[in-house]
Amino acid sequence: MKIAVHGGEIVGFNIAMPNLAAGFRRADGRLFPLGFLKIIRAGRRTRQLDTLVGGVRSDFRGKGVDAMIGCATMAAAIEAGFEFVDSHHELEYNQKVRGEMEKLGGRVYKVYRIYRKAL
């Protein structure tokens, strides 16, 4: 987790964790009796970091706080030995976040959409 602070107040954050998908597959979805060990081991062996959620306070948007948090996250990921970073659940029409990721060399390979239907 990375946090940006200005004047003693939190203005932005980013939460990321190692990808645990291989561990959940090996554990066959069961935590007990030994499934949790397979999940922990997968977290130590994975080369992929998954960013889960992040945000910047509205009055600090467009001032580089997001770039600062992103650089700190990437530096920590490289130091920890991660080779890939996957950013989850960015809406298809969130042009600001998608544009930022694509500027850094990212590519869209998943699409996250919300469908609405009146009942």
C-alpha atoms as a PDB file:
ATOM      1  CA  MET A   1       0.000   0.000   0.000  1.00  0.00           C
ATOM      2  CA  LYS A   2       1.336   3.430  -0.956  1.00  0.00           C
ATOM      3  CA  ILE A   3       0.003   6.654   0.542  1.00  0.00           C
ATOM      4  CA  ALA A   4       0.575  10.264  -0.514  1.00  0.00           C
ATOM      5  CA  VAL A   5       0.487  12.847   2.275  1.00  0.00           C
ATOM      6  CA  HIS A   6       0.359  16.660   2.050  1.00  0.00           C
ATOM      7  CA  GLY A   7       0.339  18.802   5.165  1.00  0.00           C
ATOM      8  CA  GLY A   8      -0.374  15.800   7.386  1.00  0.00           C
ATOM      9  CA  GLU A   9      -3.470  14.774   5.399  1.00  0.00           C
ATOM     10  CA  ILE A  10      -3.812  11.779   3.094  1.00  0.00           C
ATOM     11  CA  VAL A  11      -4.394  12.947  -0.476  1.00  0.00           C
ATOM     12  CA  GLY A  12      -3.978   9.659  -2.368  1.00  0.00           C
ATOM     13  CA  PHE A  13      -3.413   5.934  -2.017  1.00  0.00           C
ATOM     14  CA  ASN A  14      -2.870   2.722  -3.973  1.00  0.00           C
ATOM     15  CA  ILE A  15      -3.363  -0.844  -2.710  1.00  0.00           C
ATOM     16  CA  ALA A  16      -1.701  -3.775  -4.494  1.00  0.00           C
ATOM     17  CA  MET A  17      -0.986  -7.422  -3.685  1.00  0.00           C
ATOM     18  CA  PRO A  18       0.690 -10.448  -5.308  1.00  0.00           C
ATOM     19  CA  ASN A  19      -1.475 -12.490  -7.667  1.00  0.00           C
ATOM     20  CA  LEU A  20      -2.802 -15.528  -5.790  1.00  0.00           C
ATOM     21  CA  ALA A  21      -4.737 -17.179  -8.633  1.00  0.00           C
ATOM     22  CA  ALA A  22      -2.344 -20.136  -9.022  1.00  0.00           C
ATOM     23  CA  GLY A  23      -2.581 -20.864  -5.287  1.00  0.00           C
ATOM     24  CA  PHE A  24      -6.376 -20.854  -5.342  1.00  0.00           C
ATOM     25  CA  ARG A  25      -6.324 -23.257  -8.301  1.00  0.00           C
ATOM     26  CA  ARG A  26      -3.877 -25.613  -6.549  1.00  0.00           C
ATOM     27  CA  ALA A  27      -5.896 -25.479  -3.333  1.00  0.00           C
ATOM     28  CA  ASP A  28      -9.034 -26.261  -5.353  1.00  0.00           C
ATOM     29  CA  GLY A  29     -10.807 -23.438  -3.533  1.00  0.00           C
ATOM     30  CA  ARG A  30     -10.331 -25.005  -0.091  1.00  0.00           C
ATOM     31  CA  LEU A  31      -8.489 -23.285   2.724  1.00  0.00           C
ATOM     32  CA  PHE A  32      -8.317 -26.249   5.086  1.00  0.00           C
ATOM     33  CA  PRO A  33      -6.560 -28.496   5.908  1.00  0.00           C
ATOM     34  CA  LEU A  34      -3.565 -27.371   3.758  1.00  0.00           C
ATOM     35  CA  GLY A  35      -5.030 -25.098   1.101  1.00  0.00           C
ATOM     36  CA  PHE A  36      -3.950 -21.893   2.809  1.00  0.00           C
ATOM     37  CA  LEU A  37      -0.309 -23.022   2.576  1.00  0.00           C
ATOM     38  CA  LYS A  38      -0.620 -23.421  -1.203  1.00  0.00           C
ATOM     39  CA  ILE A  39      -2.093 -19.932  -1.448  1.00  0.00           C
ATOM     40  CA  ILE A  40       0.686 -18.404   0.663  1.00  0.00           C
ATOM     41  CA  ARG A  41       3.342 -20.203  -1.398  1.00  0.00           C
ATOM     42  CA  ALA A  42       1.797 -18.952  -4.640  1.00  0.00           C
ATOM     43  CA  GLY A  43       1.938 -15.392  -3.306  1.00  0.00           C
ATOM     44  CA  ARG A  44       5.662 -15.750  -2.677  1.00  0.00           C
ATOM     45  CA  ARG A  45       6.418 -17.308  -6.063  1.00  0.00           C
ATOM     46  CA  THR A  46       4.316 -15.155  -8.361  1.00  0.00           C
ATOM     47  CA  ARG A  47       5.894 -12.558 -10.632  1.00  0.00           C
ATOM     48  CA  GLN A  48       2.633 -10.592 -11.050  1.00  0.00           C
ATOM     49  CA  LEU A  49       1.448  -7.746  -8.864  1.00  0.00           C
ATOM     50  CA  ASP A  50      -2.276  -6.918  -8.947  1.00  0.00           C
ATOM     51  CA  THR A  51      -3.315  -3.355  -8.176  1.00  0.00           C
ATOM     52  CA  LEU A  52      -6.678  -3.477  -6.482  1.00  0.00           C
ATOM     53  CA  VAL A  53      -7.804   0.062  -5.725  1.00  0.00           C
ATOM     54  CA  GLY A  54      -6.423   3.561  -5.689  1.00  0.00           C
ATOM     55  CA  GLY A  55      -7.609   7.105  -5.471  1.00  0.00           C
ATOM     56  CA  VAL A  56      -6.626  10.764  -5.250  1.00  0.00           C
ATOM     57  CA  ARG A  57      -8.548  13.434  -3.393  1.00  0.00           C
ATOM     58  CA  SER A  58     -10.501  15.597  -5.858  1.00  0.00           C
ATOM     59  CA  ASP A  59      -8.676  18.866  -5.110  1.00  0.00           C
ATOM     60  CA  PHE A  60      -5.301  17.172  -5.828  1.00  0.00           C
ATOM     61  CA  ARG A  61      -6.251  15.537  -9.136  1.00  0.00           C
ATOM     62  CA  GLY A  62      -4.206  16.608 -12.152  1.00  0.00           C
ATOM     63  CA  LYS A  63      -1.293  17.759  -9.983  1.00  0.00           C
ATOM     64  CA  GLY A  64       0.934  14.689 -10.293  1.00  0.00           C
ATOM     65  CA  VAL A  65      -0.087  12.873  -7.104  1.00  0.00           C
ATOM     66  CA  ASP A  66      -1.258   9.877  -9.143  1.00  0.00           C
ATOM     67  CA  ALA A  67       2.068   9.758 -10.988  1.00  0.00           C
ATOM     68  CA  MET A  68       3.987   9.977  -7.725  1.00  0.00           C
ATOM     69  CA  ILE A  69       2.000   7.091  -6.211  1.00  0.00           C
ATOM     70  CA  GLY A  70       2.356   5.067  -9.434  1.00  0.00           C
ATOM     71  CA  CYS A  71       6.138   5.561  -9.506  1.00  0.00           C
ATOM     72  CA  ALA A  72       6.435   4.557  -5.848  1.00  0.00           C
ATOM     73  CA  THR A  73       4.328   1.444  -6.484  1.00  0.00           C
ATOM     74  CA  MET A  74       6.397   0.481  -9.549  1.00  0.00           C
ATOM     75  CA  ALA A  75       9.673   1.021  -7.687  1.00  0.00           C
ATOM     76  CA  ALA A  76       8.477  -1.196  -4.841  1.00  0.00           C
ATOM     77  CA  ALA A  77       7.285  -3.839  -7.329  1.00  0.00           C
ATOM     78  CA  ILE A  78      10.642  -3.909  -9.120  1.00  0.00           C
ATOM     79  CA  GLU A  79      12.500  -4.085  -5.809  1.00  0.00           C
ATOM     80  CA  ALA A  80      10.311  -7.021  -4.741  1.00  0.00           C
ATOM     81  CA  GLY A  81      11.055  -8.868  -7.993  1.00  0.00           C
ATOM     82  CA  PHE A  82       7.729  -8.522  -9.814  1.00  0.00           C
ATOM     83  CA  GLU A  83       7.852  -8.594 -13.621  1.00  0.00           C
ATOM     84  CA  PHE A  84       4.210  -7.785 -14.445  1.00  0.00           C
ATOM     85  CA  VAL A  85       1.641  -5.396 -13.005  1.00  0.00           C
ATOM     86  CA  ASP A  86      -2.048  -5.943 -13.667  1.00  0.00           C
ATOM     87  CA  SER A  87      -4.549  -3.194 -13.012  1.00  0.00           C
ATOM     88  CA  HIS A  88      -8.046  -4.502 -12.352  1.00  0.00           C
ATOM     89  CA  HIS A  89     -11.537  -3.127 -12.694  1.00  0.00           C
ATOM     90  CA  GLU A  90     -11.013   0.034 -14.658  1.00  0.00           C
ATOM     91  CA  LEU A  91     -14.233   0.860 -16.408  1.00  0.00           C
ATOM     92  CA  GLU A  92     -14.068   0.870 -20.185  1.00  0.00           C
ATOM     93  CA  TYR A  93     -15.114   4.528 -20.360  1.00  0.00           C
ATOM     94  CA  ASN A  94     -12.748   5.799 -17.621  1.00  0.00           C
ATOM     95  CA  GLN A  95     -10.538   7.612 -20.122  1.00  0.00           C
ATOM     96  CA  LYS A  96      -8.313   9.325 -17.544  1.00  0.00           C
ATOM     97  CA  VAL A  97      -7.107   6.137 -15.892  1.00  0.00           C
ATOM     98  CA  ARG A  98      -6.918   4.143 -19.129  1.00  0.00           C
ATOM     99  CA  GLY A  99      -5.009   6.942 -20.857  1.00  0.00           C
ATOM    100  CA  GLU A 100      -2.537   7.099 -18.007  1.00  0.00           C
ATOM    101  CA  MET A 101      -1.923   3.347 -18.151  1.00  0.00           C
ATOM    102  CA  GLU A 102      -1.567   3.348 -21.941  1.00  0.00           C
ATOM    103  CA  LYS A 103       0.956   6.234 -21.792  1.00  0.00           C
ATOM    104  CA  LEU A 104       3.117   4.063 -19.547  1.00  0.00           C
ATOM    105  CA  GLY A 105       3.084   1.256 -22.114  1.00  0.00           C
ATOM    106  CA  GLY A 106       0.169  -0.730 -20.748  1.00  0.00           C
ATOM    107  CA  ARG A 107      -2.287  -2.456 -23.017  1.00  0.00           C
ATOM    108  CA  VAL A 108      -5.959  -3.258 -22.562  1.00  0.00           C
ATOM    109  CA  TYR A 109      -6.584  -7.007 -22.605  1.00  0.00           C
ATOM    110  CA  LYS A 110      -9.652  -7.122 -20.335  1.00  0.00           C
ATOM    111  CA  VAL A 111     -12.776  -5.020 -20.600  1.00  0.00           C
ATOM    112  CA  TYR A 112     -14.802  -4.144 -17.520  1.00  0.00           C
ATOM    113  CA  ARG A 113     -18.318  -2.943 -18.265  1.00  0.00           C
ATOM    114  CA  ILE A 114     -21.419  -2.268 -16.236  1.00  0.00           C
ATOM    115  CA  TYR A 115     -24.731  -3.030 -17.889  1.00  0.00           C
ATOM    116  CA  ARG A 116     -27.987  -1.515 -16.720  1.00  0.00           C
ATOM    117  CA  LYS A 117     -31.529  -2.652 -17.382  1.00  0.00           C
ATOM    118  CA  ALA A 118     -34.706  -1.154 -16.030  1.00  0.00           C
ATOM    119  CA  LEU A 119     -36.886  -3.686 -14.250  1.00  0.00           C
END
